[in-house]
Amino acid sequence: MQCVRVIRTRFLISILLAAFSLPAQRASTQETGASKSAKQEREPMDLIQQQLRELQRSMEAIRTEADRDRAQSRTEISELKQQLRDARQKLESMELLLKTTTEGLQADIDKKPLQVPRTDSQPTNDEQQEQQARKLQEDQQLLAAKVDEQYQTKVESGSKYRLRLSGMLLANFFSNKGNVEHIETPAVALPRGPADPAGSFGGSIRQSQVGFEAYGPTVGGARTQGNLVLDLFGEFSDTVNGFSTGTLRLRTGTVRLDWARTSVIIGQDELFFSPVYPTSFASVSTPPLAYSGNLYGWIPQARIENRVASSENSSVVLSAGVLDPLSGEVPDNEFLRTAGAGESVRLPAYGSGLAWNWKLFGQPFTLGAGGYYSRQNWGFNRNVNGWAGTVDWNIPMGEFLSLSGKFYNGQAIGGLGAGIGRSVLFSGPANSPVVRVKGLHSTGGWAQVKFRPIPKLEFNTAAGQDSVDSADVRGFPVGPPSYFGPNLTRNRSGFANFIYRPRSNLLFSTEFRTLRTFSIDGTSQTANQLNFITAVFF
């Protein structure tokens, strides 16, 4: 456009010059009269023609320059458009990489606030610049490491949505003293018979786990996600040395729909109304302090959770749902599933929980309470009500120390690990219609002290107990099929361990555990275990 304006301006100036020159020459010719010669009369016309030729040459030069400028402009515009497309593609790739990196950092890095020591004097400008340079260098190294990680080969999903693989390779070497029901993860001390050994030694990787996280579409404003966790603690292979070749076993598997404040979870999961557990890597496939005051279970369920933020650092979580009413029975058949006492009622079990979360000393502070109810039918219309009330806590006692634990009281909750694995007792043979059934009342709990002087190292010590009424055991000496005898009245255990994480994906631990189990006749059995653990997380 600027070139066109220049051409128009020069053309108008030339026309005006020619217009003013012609009258001037004519006037001069009239004044000189007829005495002027023909050569003199032709001079103005020659001058005009010369000026027109110069004007034509100028216009052609300007037109050539304008054409060249237009061609160059078109080329530059095309290049700018291509650069803009390339920049947009790079920006989209960086946004995807940043999102993936943020999710990986959330799952892989145990975050802890950076603590800068306070000094009496303010740092100088040189010191501030040195600190800033050092921090920028650390951030650059961390970002480079995460970018390199994203270029690794990832798990491919059959759908267009992302699939994440995680897990733990856990190796245990253990030494037991005494007779226990399970040498890998002992929970109950048993009497020692004449042919029973005084102890045992072994190793295992059967507590290793593998997990899958599938991220689905947004449905009704809710983010969808699926989680599946398996371990190798299933039945032994019927082969030589089959004790070390466990099979895959389902632990948990859930589908989640998460809104801003509400979540719906459907699948098989832990006890949502009593979610606190002790810290141990010696016993993962069976939670630590199981049958010694720690309620646990991986139970099919459907629940809803609602989160209410009471302040910036405080929230209240309400949960309620239905569960498969498991009663702690051993399956009758290896391949066919038959209804248990709880499932025979044709009603689900019900659970609810309330938890208050807060921040104290930079650590999570939690107080929770829960309730549970189920109905059970033990044949011949012998119905029993199963119920439980729970309280749990996690209280920081300072920057490095915390106290956690659980307490419960209930009846017929052997399916949750209470009553030393028993829900009821019978006054005689269970297949007799005249035999009475008694819902076994149980009380128990546990407490743990955690000391964490540095993020990589922690020390834990915990103890728990589960007990039942002795009068119930005396009056009802027969129990349903279970892993433990009907004459047990109390089970007590404790452990102490240290856990060292030199890297976020590497762990070393050593744990000492002691067990003591009491019978109705007043006798007790003891057992100990020393466990050495190595774990790699992926």
Protein backbone atom coordinates (compact mmCIF):
# COMPACT_ATOMS: atom_id res chain seq x y z
CA MET A 1 0.00 0.00 0.00
CA GLN A 2 2.88 2.38 0.77
CA CYS A 3 4.40 1.73 -2.68
CA VAL A 4 1.09 2.53 -4.41
CA ARG A 5 0.81 5.83 -2.53
CA VAL A 6 4.35 6.78 -3.61
CA ILE A 7 3.52 6.04 -7.30
CA ARG A 8 0.35 8.13 -7.15
CA THR A 9 2.17 11.07 -5.56
CA ARG A 10 4.99 11.11 -8.11
CA PHE A 11 2.49 10.80 -11.02
CA LEU A 12 0.42 13.77 -9.80
CA ILE A 13 3.54 15.93 -9.33
CA SER A 14 4.71 15.16 -12.88
CA ILE A 15 1.29 15.97 -14.39
CA LEU A 16 1.15 19.26 -12.51
CA LEU A 17 4.65 20.20 -13.67
CA ALA A 18 3.72 19.41 -17.24
CA ALA A 19 0.47 21.39 -16.97
CA PHE A 20 2.23 24.47 -15.61
CA SER A 21 5.06 24.27 -18.11
CA LEU A 22 2.79 24.21 -21.20
CA PRO A 23 0.96 27.53 -20.54
CA ALA A 24 4.20 29.17 -19.65
CA GLN A 25 5.77 28.17 -22.93
CA ARG A 26 2.68 29.26 -24.88
CA ALA A 27 2.67 32.67 -23.21
CA SER A 28 6.32 33.15 -24.05
CA THR A 29 5.63 32.20 -27.65
CA GLN A 30 2.82 34.79 -27.95
CA GLU A 31 5.07 37.51 -26.52
CA THR A 32 7.89 36.87 -29.03
CA GLY A 33 5.39 36.91 -31.88
CA ALA A 34 5.82 35.50 -35.29
CA SER A 35 9.52 36.19 -35.24
CA LYS A 36 10.16 32.95 -33.41
CA SER A 37 11.29 30.13 -35.62
CA ALA A 38 9.65 26.70 -35.94
CA LYS A 39 12.55 25.18 -34.00
CA GLN A 40 11.83 27.40 -31.02
CA GLU A 41 8.12 26.45 -31.13
CA ARG A 42 8.94 22.78 -30.94
CA GLU A 43 11.21 23.06 -27.87
CA PRO A 44 8.36 23.00 -25.24
CA MET A 45 6.86 19.93 -26.87
CA ASP A 46 10.20 18.14 -26.80
CA LEU A 47 10.65 19.02 -23.13
CA ILE A 48 7.22 17.62 -22.26
CA GLN A 49 7.89 14.42 -24.12
CA GLN A 50 11.21 14.04 -22.35
CA GLN A 51 9.56 14.56 -18.96
CA LEU A 52 6.86 12.01 -19.83
CA ARG A 53 9.51 9.46 -20.78
CA GLU A 54 11.32 10.05 -17.49
CA LEU A 55 8.03 9.71 -15.66
CA GLN A 56 7.32 6.43 -17.46
CA ARG A 57 10.77 5.06 -16.57
CA SER A 58 10.24 6.07 -12.93
CA MET A 59 6.84 4.41 -12.83
CA GLU A 60 8.27 1.20 -14.31
CA ALA A 61 11.07 1.18 -11.71
CA ILE A 62 8.60 1.79 -8.93
CA ARG A 63 6.31 -0.94 -10.26
CA THR A 64 9.23 -3.40 -10.42
CA GLU A 65 10.27 -2.52 -6.86
CA ALA A 66 6.67 -2.88 -5.64
CA ASP A 67 6.33 -6.31 -7.29
CA ARG A 68 9.58 -7.41 -5.65
CA ASP A 69 8.39 -6.11 -2.25
CA ARG A 70 5.04 -7.91 -2.58
CA ALA A 71 6.76 -11.20 -3.43
CA GLN A 72 9.13 -10.82 -0.49
CA SER A 73 6.21 -9.96 1.82
CA ARG A 74 4.28 -13.05 0.72
CA THR A 75 7.35 -15.20 1.42
CA GLU A 76 7.86 -13.65 4.85
CA ILE A 77 4.17 -14.10 5.73
CA SER A 78 4.32 -17.77 4.73
CA GLU A 79 7.41 -18.27 6.87
CA LEU A 80 5.77 -16.52 9.84
CA LYS A 81 2.67 -18.73 9.53
CA GLN A 82 4.83 -21.88 9.51
CA GLN A 83 6.79 -20.65 12.54
CA LEU A 84 3.50 -19.94 14.33
CA ARG A 85 2.24 -23.48 13.61
CA ASP A 86 5.52 -24.97 14.84
CA ALA A 87 5.41 -22.86 18.00
CA ARG A 88 1.80 -23.91 18.69
CA GLN A 89 2.72 -27.60 18.32
CA LYS A 90 5.70 -27.19 20.65
CA LEU A 91 3.51 -25.38 23.18
CA GLU A 92 0.94 -28.19 23.15
CA SER A 93 3.71 -30.77 23.60
CA MET A 94 5.18 -28.82 26.51
CA GLU A 95 1.74 -28.51 28.17
CA LEU A 96 1.23 -32.28 27.91
CA LEU A 97 4.74 -32.91 29.23
CA LEU A 98 4.21 -30.49 32.12
CA LYS A 99 0.91 -32.17 33.06
CA THR A 100 2.46 -35.65 32.98
CA THR A 101 5.53 -34.46 34.90
CA THR A 102 3.36 -32.87 37.61
CA GLU A 103 1.39 -36.10 38.09
CA GLY A 104 4.61 -38.12 38.21
CA LEU A 105 6.12 -35.78 40.80
CA GLN A 106 2.96 -36.09 42.91
CA ALA A 107 3.21 -39.88 42.95
CA ASP A 108 7.06 -40.35 43.10
CA ILE A 109 8.41 -37.57 45.34
CA ASP A 110 7.81 -37.42 49.05
CA LYS A 111 7.41 -33.70 49.37
CA LYS A 112 8.74 -31.80 52.35
CA PRO A 113 8.82 -28.00 52.75
CA LEU A 114 12.22 -26.45 52.22
CA GLN A 115 13.51 -25.20 55.56
CA VAL A 116 15.99 -22.34 55.43
CA PRO A 117 17.95 -21.77 58.68
CA ARG A 118 17.30 -18.43 60.24
CA THR A 119 20.24 -16.13 60.95
CA ASP A 120 20.59 -12.99 62.99
CA SER A 121 21.84 -10.89 60.05
CA GLN A 122 20.29 -10.45 56.65
CA PRO A 123 22.22 -12.06 53.74
CA THR A 124 24.15 -9.79 51.40
CA ASN A 125 23.31 -9.35 47.74
CA ASP A 126 26.14 -11.71 46.72
CA GLU A 127 24.82 -14.38 49.09
CA GLN A 128 21.28 -13.94 47.77
CA GLN A 129 22.51 -14.26 44.19
CA GLU A 130 24.50 -17.36 45.09
CA GLN A 131 21.46 -18.95 46.79
CA GLN A 132 19.25 -18.13 43.84
CA ALA A 133 21.79 -19.56 41.39
CA ARG A 134 22.09 -22.74 43.45
CA LYS A 135 18.30 -23.13 43.64
CA LEU A 136 17.94 -22.56 39.89
CA GLN A 137 20.60 -25.20 39.25
CA GLU A 138 18.79 -27.73 41.47
CA ASP A 139 15.46 -26.99 39.79
CA GLN A 140 17.08 -27.40 36.38
CA GLN A 141 18.57 -30.77 37.35
CA LEU A 142 15.23 -31.97 38.73
CA LEU A 143 13.35 -30.86 35.61
CA ALA A 144 15.95 -32.49 33.36
CA ALA A 145 15.62 -35.75 35.27
CA LYS A 146 11.82 -35.71 34.96
CA VAL A 147 11.99 -34.86 31.25
CA ASP A 148 14.38 -37.76 30.70
CA GLU A 149 11.95 -40.00 32.55
CA GLN A 150 9.10 -38.99 30.27
CA TYR A 151 11.10 -40.14 27.24
CA GLN A 152 11.18 -43.68 28.60
CA THR A 153 8.90 -46.28 27.08
CA LYS A 154 5.50 -46.10 28.84
CA VAL A 155 2.72 -48.62 29.17
CA GLU A 156 0.37 -48.45 26.21
CA SER A 157 -3.37 -48.59 26.76
CA GLY A 158 -5.86 -50.24 24.43
CA SER A 159 -7.90 -47.03 24.53
CA LYS A 160 -6.90 -43.43 23.91
CA TYR A 161 -6.74 -42.74 27.64
CA ARG A 162 -3.58 -42.93 29.71
CA LEU A 163 -2.60 -46.07 31.66
CA ARG A 164 -0.02 -45.96 34.46
CA LEU A 165 1.87 -48.98 35.79
CA SER A 166 3.25 -48.99 39.34
CA GLY A 167 4.31 -51.58 41.84
CA MET A 168 6.76 -52.83 44.41
CA LEU A 169 9.29 -55.65 44.32
CA LEU A 170 9.53 -56.67 47.98
CA ALA A 171 12.06 -59.26 49.19
CA ASN A 172 11.90 -60.66 52.75
CA PHE A 173 14.35 -62.86 54.63
CA PHE A 174 13.02 -63.90 58.02
CA SER A 175 13.88 -66.00 61.04
CA ASN A 176 11.16 -67.25 63.41
CA LYS A 177 11.40 -68.59 66.93
CA GLY A 178 8.39 -70.61 68.03
CA ASN A 179 5.41 -72.10 66.20
CA VAL A 180 3.22 -69.75 64.16
CA GLU A 181 0.33 -70.15 61.73
CA HIS A 182 2.25 -68.53 58.81
CA ILE A 183 6.04 -68.26 58.79
CA GLU A 184 6.11 -65.33 56.31
CA THR A 185 3.61 -63.03 58.03
CA PRO A 186 2.94 -64.52 61.48
CA ALA A 187 -0.05 -63.18 63.40
CA VAL A 188 -0.84 -65.88 66.01
CA ALA A 189 1.46 -68.02 68.18
CA LEU A 190 0.42 -71.70 68.29
CA PRO A 191 1.24 -74.53 70.72
CA ARG A 192 4.28 -76.54 69.75
CA GLY A 193 3.67 -80.25 69.23
CA PRO A 194 6.23 -83.04 69.53
CA ALA A 195 6.94 -82.98 65.81
CA ASP A 196 6.88 -79.18 65.40
CA PRO A 197 10.24 -77.40 64.95
CA ALA A 198 11.49 -74.79 67.39
CA GLY A 199 11.63 -72.17 64.66
CA SER A 200 12.16 -71.57 60.97
CA PHE A 201 14.10 -69.53 58.41
CA GLY A 202 13.04 -68.55 54.92
CA GLY A 203 12.81 -65.95 52.20
CA SER A 204 10.07 -64.73 49.89
CA ILE A 205 9.14 -62.16 47.27
CA ARG A 206 5.46 -63.16 47.35
CA GLN A 207 4.50 -59.87 49.01
CA SER A 208 5.49 -57.96 45.87
CA GLN A 209 2.70 -55.97 44.26
CA VAL A 210 1.77 -54.61 40.86
CA GLY A 211 -0.79 -51.88 40.25
CA PHE A 212 -2.54 -50.27 37.29
CA GLU A 213 -4.10 -46.80 37.18
CA ALA A 214 -6.35 -46.03 34.23
CA TYR A 215 -7.46 -42.44 33.61
CA GLY A 216 -10.77 -42.17 31.79
CA PRO A 217 -12.95 -39.40 30.35
CA THR A 218 -14.84 -36.73 32.22
CA VAL A 219 -18.45 -37.81 32.76
CA GLY A 220 -21.00 -35.37 34.13
CA GLY A 221 -18.23 -33.10 35.37
CA ALA A 222 -16.49 -35.99 37.21
CA ARG A 223 -13.03 -37.30 36.44
CA THR A 224 -13.05 -41.08 36.07
CA GLN A 225 -10.25 -43.34 37.20
CA GLY A 226 -9.72 -47.07 37.66
CA ASN A 227 -7.24 -48.75 40.04
CA LEU A 228 -6.23 -52.39 40.28
CA VAL A 229 -3.67 -53.85 42.74
CA LEU A 230 -2.46 -57.46 42.68
CA ASP A 231 0.11 -59.36 44.69
CA LEU A 232 1.72 -62.82 44.59
CA PHE A 233 0.36 -64.05 47.92
CA GLY A 234 -2.15 -66.48 46.43
CA GLU A 235 -2.21 -70.23 46.85
CA PHE A 236 0.97 -72.30 46.49
CA SER A 237 1.74 -74.12 43.28
CA ASP A 238 1.40 -77.91 43.45
CA THR A 239 4.99 -78.48 42.38
CA VAL A 240 8.45 -78.97 43.80
CA ASN A 241 9.42 -76.07 46.08
CA GLY A 242 5.97 -74.62 45.49
CA PHE A 243 6.14 -72.69 48.77
CA SER A 244 8.17 -69.98 47.03
CA THR A 245 5.99 -69.73 43.91
CA GLY A 246 2.79 -68.06 44.94
CA THR A 247 0.14 -67.10 42.40
CA LEU A 248 -1.53 -63.80 41.63
CA ARG A 249 -4.11 -62.59 44.13
CA LEU A 250 -6.57 -59.74 43.94
CA ARG A 251 -6.17 -57.11 46.65
CA THR A 252 -8.11 -54.04 45.57
CA GLY A 253 -9.79 -52.84 42.40
CA THR A 254 -11.95 -49.74 42.20
CA VAL A 255 -13.63 -47.35 39.78
CA ARG A 256 -13.74 -43.73 40.93
CA LEU A 257 -15.80 -40.73 39.86
CA ASP A 258 -14.34 -37.58 41.41
CA TRP A 259 -16.04 -34.22 41.50
CA ALA A 260 -14.66 -31.18 43.30
CA ARG A 261 -16.10 -32.17 46.70
CA THR A 262 -17.75 -35.54 46.13
CA SER A 263 -16.47 -38.96 45.05
CA VAL A 264 -18.19 -42.23 44.23
CA ILE A 265 -16.10 -45.40 44.59
CA ILE A 266 -17.25 -48.83 43.44
CA GLY A 267 -15.21 -52.04 43.63
CA GLN A 268 -13.12 -53.94 46.17
CA ASP A 269 -11.29 -51.74 48.63
CA GLU A 270 -10.09 -51.33 52.21
CA LEU A 271 -12.34 -50.49 55.16
CA PHE A 272 -13.25 -46.88 54.42
CA PHE A 273 -14.73 -46.33 57.89
CA SER A 274 -11.45 -47.37 59.61
CA PRO A 275 -8.59 -46.49 57.23
CA VAL A 276 -5.57 -46.09 59.57
CA TYR A 277 -2.83 -48.79 59.56
CA PRO A 278 0.54 -49.27 61.30
CA THR A 279 3.74 -48.83 59.28
CA SER A 280 5.54 -52.05 58.35
CA PHE A 281 7.06 -53.63 55.24
CA ALA A 282 7.58 -56.99 56.93
CA SER A 283 3.86 -57.70 56.74
CA VAL A 284 2.16 -56.21 53.66
CA SER A 285 0.05 -59.04 52.27
CA THR A 286 -1.49 -59.40 55.73
CA PRO A 287 -1.55 -55.95 57.36
CA PRO A 288 0.61 -55.53 60.47
CA LEU A 289 -1.05 -56.29 63.83
CA ALA A 290 -3.77 -58.27 62.05
CA TYR A 291 -5.83 -60.27 64.59
CA SER A 292 -4.13 -58.14 67.28
CA GLY A 293 -6.30 -55.04 67.27
CA ASN A 294 -6.04 -53.93 63.63
CA LEU A 295 -9.30 -54.23 61.70
CA TYR A 296 -8.71 -54.84 58.01
CA GLY A 297 -10.34 -56.32 54.94
CA TRP A 298 -10.39 -56.01 51.15
CA ILE A 299 -14.13 -56.14 50.65
CA PRO A 300 -16.41 -55.46 47.64
CA GLN A 301 -18.25 -52.21 48.31
CA ALA A 302 -19.89 -49.09 46.92
CA ARG A 303 -19.55 -45.82 48.79
CA ILE A 304 -19.84 -42.08 48.48
CA GLU A 305 -17.50 -39.52 50.03
CA ASN A 306 -18.16 -35.84 50.57
CA ARG A 307 -15.41 -33.38 51.49
CA VAL A 308 -16.26 -30.17 53.29
CA ALA A 309 -13.51 -27.57 53.65
CA SER A 310 -14.02 -25.82 56.98
CA SER A 311 -10.91 -23.63 56.51
CA GLU A 312 -7.81 -23.37 54.36
CA ASN A 313 -5.95 -26.07 56.33
CA SER A 314 -8.91 -28.04 57.66
CA SER A 315 -11.50 -30.33 56.10
CA VAL A 316 -14.17 -32.81 57.13
CA VAL A 317 -14.79 -36.01 55.14
CA LEU A 318 -18.14 -37.82 55.35
CA SER A 319 -18.46 -41.32 53.89
CA ALA A 320 -21.19 -43.93 53.70
CA GLY A 321 -21.71 -47.09 51.72
CA VAL A 322 -22.69 -50.74 51.47
CA LEU A 323 -20.35 -53.75 51.63
CA ASP A 324 -20.38 -57.47 50.99
CA PRO A 325 -21.31 -58.88 54.44
CA LEU A 326 -18.31 -61.19 54.83
CA SER A 327 -18.22 -63.12 58.13
CA GLY A 328 -14.71 -64.60 58.20
CA GLU A 329 -15.59 -68.11 57.03
CA VAL A 330 -13.32 -70.40 55.06
CA PRO A 331 -14.75 -71.28 51.59
CA ASP A 332 -16.36 -74.72 51.35
CA ASN A 333 -15.23 -75.29 47.77
CA GLU A 334 -12.08 -74.34 45.91
CA PHE A 335 -13.91 -73.51 42.67
CA LEU A 336 -17.60 -72.90 43.52
CA ARG A 337 -18.72 -69.91 45.56
CA THR A 338 -21.46 -70.56 48.07
CA ALA A 339 -23.24 -68.01 50.26
CA GLY A 340 -21.73 -67.27 53.63
CA ALA A 341 -23.66 -66.46 56.77
CA GLY A 342 -23.80 -62.76 55.95
CA GLU A 343 -24.68 -63.22 52.28
CA SER A 344 -27.48 -65.66 53.17
CA VAL A 345 -29.54 -62.82 54.67
CA ARG A 346 -29.82 -61.17 51.23
CA LEU A 347 -28.93 -57.78 52.68
CA PRO A 348 -25.67 -55.83 52.40
CA ALA A 349 -23.55 -54.65 55.28
CA TYR A 350 -23.59 -50.92 56.01
CA GLY A 351 -20.74 -48.64 56.94
CA SER A 352 -20.21 -44.94 57.61
CA GLY A 353 -17.28 -42.78 58.62
CA LEU A 354 -16.45 -39.24 59.72
CA ALA A 355 -12.92 -37.83 59.61
CA TRP A 356 -11.50 -34.43 60.48
CA ASN A 357 -8.22 -33.52 58.76
CA TRP A 358 -6.01 -30.66 59.82
CA LYS A 359 -2.40 -29.46 59.56
CA LEU A 360 -0.26 -29.44 62.71
CA PHE A 361 3.52 -28.90 62.74
CA GLY A 362 3.41 -29.21 58.96
CA GLN A 363 2.04 -32.77 59.19
CA PRO A 364 -1.47 -34.23 58.73
CA PHE A 365 -3.59 -34.38 61.88
CA THR A 366 -6.56 -36.77 61.66
CA LEU A 367 -9.35 -37.79 63.99
CA GLY A 368 -11.92 -40.29 62.73
CA ALA A 369 -14.89 -42.34 63.83
CA GLY A 370 -16.75 -45.12 62.04
CA GLY A 371 -19.66 -47.52 62.34
CA TYR A 372 -20.51 -50.90 60.80
CA TYR A 373 -23.55 -53.20 60.78
CA SER A 374 -24.36 -56.53 59.15
CA ARG A 375 -26.97 -59.25 59.59
CA GLN A 376 -25.91 -62.94 59.59
CA ASN A 377 -27.83 -66.21 59.26
CA TRP A 378 -26.01 -69.30 60.55
CA GLY A 379 -28.66 -71.80 59.49
CA PHE A 380 -31.98 -72.89 61.03
CA ASN A 381 -32.96 -69.21 61.34
CA ARG A 382 -30.17 -68.56 63.84
CA ASN A 383 -29.68 -64.89 63.13
CA VAL A 384 -26.92 -62.74 64.63
CA ASN A 385 -26.35 -58.99 64.44
CA GLY A 386 -22.82 -57.95 63.61
CA TRP A 387 -21.79 -54.43 64.51
CA ALA A 388 -18.72 -52.33 65.32
CA GLY A 389 -17.80 -48.85 66.46
CA THR A 390 -14.32 -47.51 65.68
CA VAL A 391 -12.15 -44.54 66.57
CA ASP A 392 -8.81 -43.80 64.89
CA TRP A 393 -6.26 -41.01 65.06
CA ASN A 394 -2.99 -39.67 63.68
CA ILE A 395 -1.61 -36.90 65.89
CA PRO A 396 1.71 -35.09 65.23
CA MET A 397 3.61 -34.54 68.47
CA GLY A 398 6.14 -32.20 66.90
CA GLU A 399 8.12 -31.84 63.71
CA PHE A 400 9.64 -35.34 63.92
CA LEU A 401 7.25 -37.32 66.14
CA SER A 402 3.69 -38.59 65.65
CA LEU A 403 1.23 -40.90 67.40
CA SER A 404 -1.36 -43.00 65.53
CA GLY A 405 -3.74 -45.77 66.47
CA LYS A 406 -7.18 -47.34 66.49
CA PHE A 407 -9.75 -48.64 68.97
CA TYR A 408 -12.86 -50.72 68.29
CA ASN A 409 -15.64 -52.53 70.08
CA GLY A 410 -18.11 -54.85 68.38
CA GLN A 411 -19.76 -58.21 67.88
CA ALA A 412 -19.62 -60.88 65.15
CA ILE A 413 -16.98 -59.03 63.10
CA GLY A 414 -14.59 -61.88 62.34
CA GLY A 415 -14.85 -60.85 58.68
CA LEU A 416 -12.99 -57.66 59.64
CA GLY A 417 -10.23 -59.49 61.51
CA ALA A 418 -11.68 -59.07 65.00
CA GLY A 419 -12.43 -61.84 67.49
CA ILE A 420 -9.13 -63.47 66.38
CA GLY A 421 -10.83 -64.25 63.06
CA ARG A 422 -14.14 -65.54 64.49
CA SER A 423 -17.63 -64.04 64.30
CA VAL A 424 -19.66 -66.58 66.32
CA LEU A 425 -19.36 -69.64 68.56
CA PHE A 426 -21.68 -72.63 68.90
CA SER A 427 -22.78 -74.52 71.98
CA GLY A 428 -22.42 -77.81 70.06
CA PRO A 429 -22.19 -79.16 66.51
CA ALA A 430 -23.13 -76.42 64.06
CA ASN A 431 -25.25 -78.74 61.92
CA SER A 432 -27.69 -79.43 64.76
CA PRO A 433 -30.83 -77.24 64.79
CA VAL A 434 -31.02 -77.30 68.60
CA VAL A 435 -27.50 -75.90 69.06
CA ARG A 436 -27.36 -72.26 70.05
CA VAL A 437 -25.17 -69.70 68.34
CA LYS A 438 -23.48 -66.77 70.06
CA GLY A 439 -22.23 -63.60 68.40
CA LEU A 440 -18.67 -63.22 69.70
CA HIS A 441 -18.04 -59.90 71.39
CA SER A 442 -14.55 -58.45 70.86
CA THR A 443 -12.59 -55.38 71.89
CA GLY A 444 -9.23 -54.30 70.62
CA GLY A 445 -6.94 -51.67 69.20
CA TRP A 446 -3.37 -50.63 68.58
CA ALA A 447 -1.05 -47.64 68.95
CA GLN A 448 2.11 -46.61 67.13
CA VAL A 449 4.85 -44.06 67.75
CA LYS A 450 6.72 -42.80 64.66
CA PHE A 451 10.01 -40.92 64.88
CA ARG A 452 11.27 -39.40 61.64
CA PRO A 453 14.44 -37.35 62.19
CA ILE A 454 15.10 -36.91 58.45
CA PRO A 455 12.87 -37.56 55.41
CA LYS A 456 14.88 -40.66 54.43
CA LEU A 457 14.81 -42.42 57.81
CA GLU A 458 12.05 -43.33 60.25
CA PHE A 459 11.67 -45.50 63.34
CA ASN A 460 8.36 -47.12 64.29
CA THR A 461 7.22 -49.06 67.33
CA ALA A 462 3.67 -50.37 67.72
CA ALA A 463 1.63 -52.80 69.81
CA GLY A 464 -1.93 -54.09 69.65
CA GLN A 465 -4.35 -56.55 71.22
CA ASP A 466 -7.61 -58.30 70.36
CA SER A 467 -9.63 -59.98 73.11
CA VAL A 468 -13.00 -61.72 73.50
CA ASP A 469 -15.19 -62.52 76.49
CA SER A 470 -13.95 -65.61 78.32
CA ALA A 471 -17.52 -66.46 79.39
CA ASP A 472 -18.56 -66.73 75.74
CA VAL A 473 -15.68 -69.10 74.99
CA ARG A 474 -16.49 -71.31 77.99
CA GLY A 475 -20.23 -71.53 77.23
CA PHE A 476 -19.83 -71.95 73.47
CA PRO A 477 -16.76 -74.14 72.89
CA VAL A 478 -17.31 -74.87 69.17
CA GLY A 479 -16.53 -72.47 66.38
CA PRO A 480 -17.21 -72.41 62.64
CA PRO A 481 -14.40 -73.44 60.26
CA SER A 482 -11.61 -70.87 60.60
CA TYR A 483 -7.84 -70.61 60.64
CA PHE A 484 -7.69 -70.46 64.42
CA GLY A 485 -9.10 -72.63 67.19
CA PRO A 486 -12.26 -71.68 69.13
CA ASN A 487 -10.46 -71.72 72.51
CA LEU A 488 -8.43 -68.52 71.98
CA THR A 489 -9.33 -65.56 74.20
CA ARG A 490 -6.68 -62.94 73.55
CA ASN A 491 -3.97 -62.22 70.99
CA ARG A 492 -1.24 -59.66 71.52
CA SER A 493 1.63 -58.56 69.26
CA GLY A 494 4.12 -55.76 68.87
CA PHE A 495 6.95 -54.73 66.59
CA ALA A 496 9.79 -52.26 66.19
CA ASN A 497 11.41 -51.35 62.90
CA PHE A 498 13.46 -48.82 61.04
CA ILE A 499 12.83 -47.85 57.40
CA TYR A 500 15.57 -46.23 55.33
CA ARG A 501 14.94 -44.75 51.87
CA PRO A 502 18.23 -43.69 50.22
CA ARG A 503 16.19 -42.94 47.08
CA SER A 504 12.49 -42.45 46.51
CA ASN A 505 12.28 -45.84 44.77
CA LEU A 506 14.60 -47.85 47.07
CA LEU A 507 13.95 -49.06 50.61
CA PHE A 508 15.78 -51.03 53.30
CA SER A 509 14.18 -52.09 56.57
CA THR A 510 14.67 -54.39 59.53
CA GLU A 511 11.87 -55.38 61.91
CA PHE A 512 11.56 -57.39 65.09
CA ARG A 513 8.10 -58.76 65.96
CA THR A 514 6.85 -60.56 69.05
CA LEU A 515 3.57 -62.51 69.48
CA ARG A 516 1.71 -63.86 72.48
CA THR A 517 -1.59 -65.76 72.23
CA PHE A 518 -3.76 -66.78 75.24
CA SER A 519 -6.15 -69.74 75.53
CA ILE A 520 -9.19 -70.31 77.73
CA ASP A 521 -7.22 -72.69 79.97
CA GLY A 522 -4.90 -69.87 81.04
CA THR A 523 -1.90 -70.93 79.00
CA SER A 524 -0.19 -68.73 76.44
CA GLN A 525 2.15 -69.27 73.51
CA THR A 526 4.90 -66.91 72.33
CA ALA A 527 6.81 -66.48 69.12
CA ASN A 528 9.26 -63.97 67.64
CA GLN A 529 10.35 -62.99 64.16
CA LEU A 530 13.34 -61.05 62.82
CA ASN A 531 12.78 -59.77 59.28
CA PHE A 532 15.13 -58.14 56.76
CA ILE A 533 13.42 -56.27 53.92
CA THR A 534 14.53 -54.78 50.62
CA ALA A 535 12.08 -53.10 48.26
CA VAL A 536 12.25 -51.38 44.89
CA PHE A 537 9.31 -49.26 43.73
CA PHE A 538 8.42 -48.67 40.09
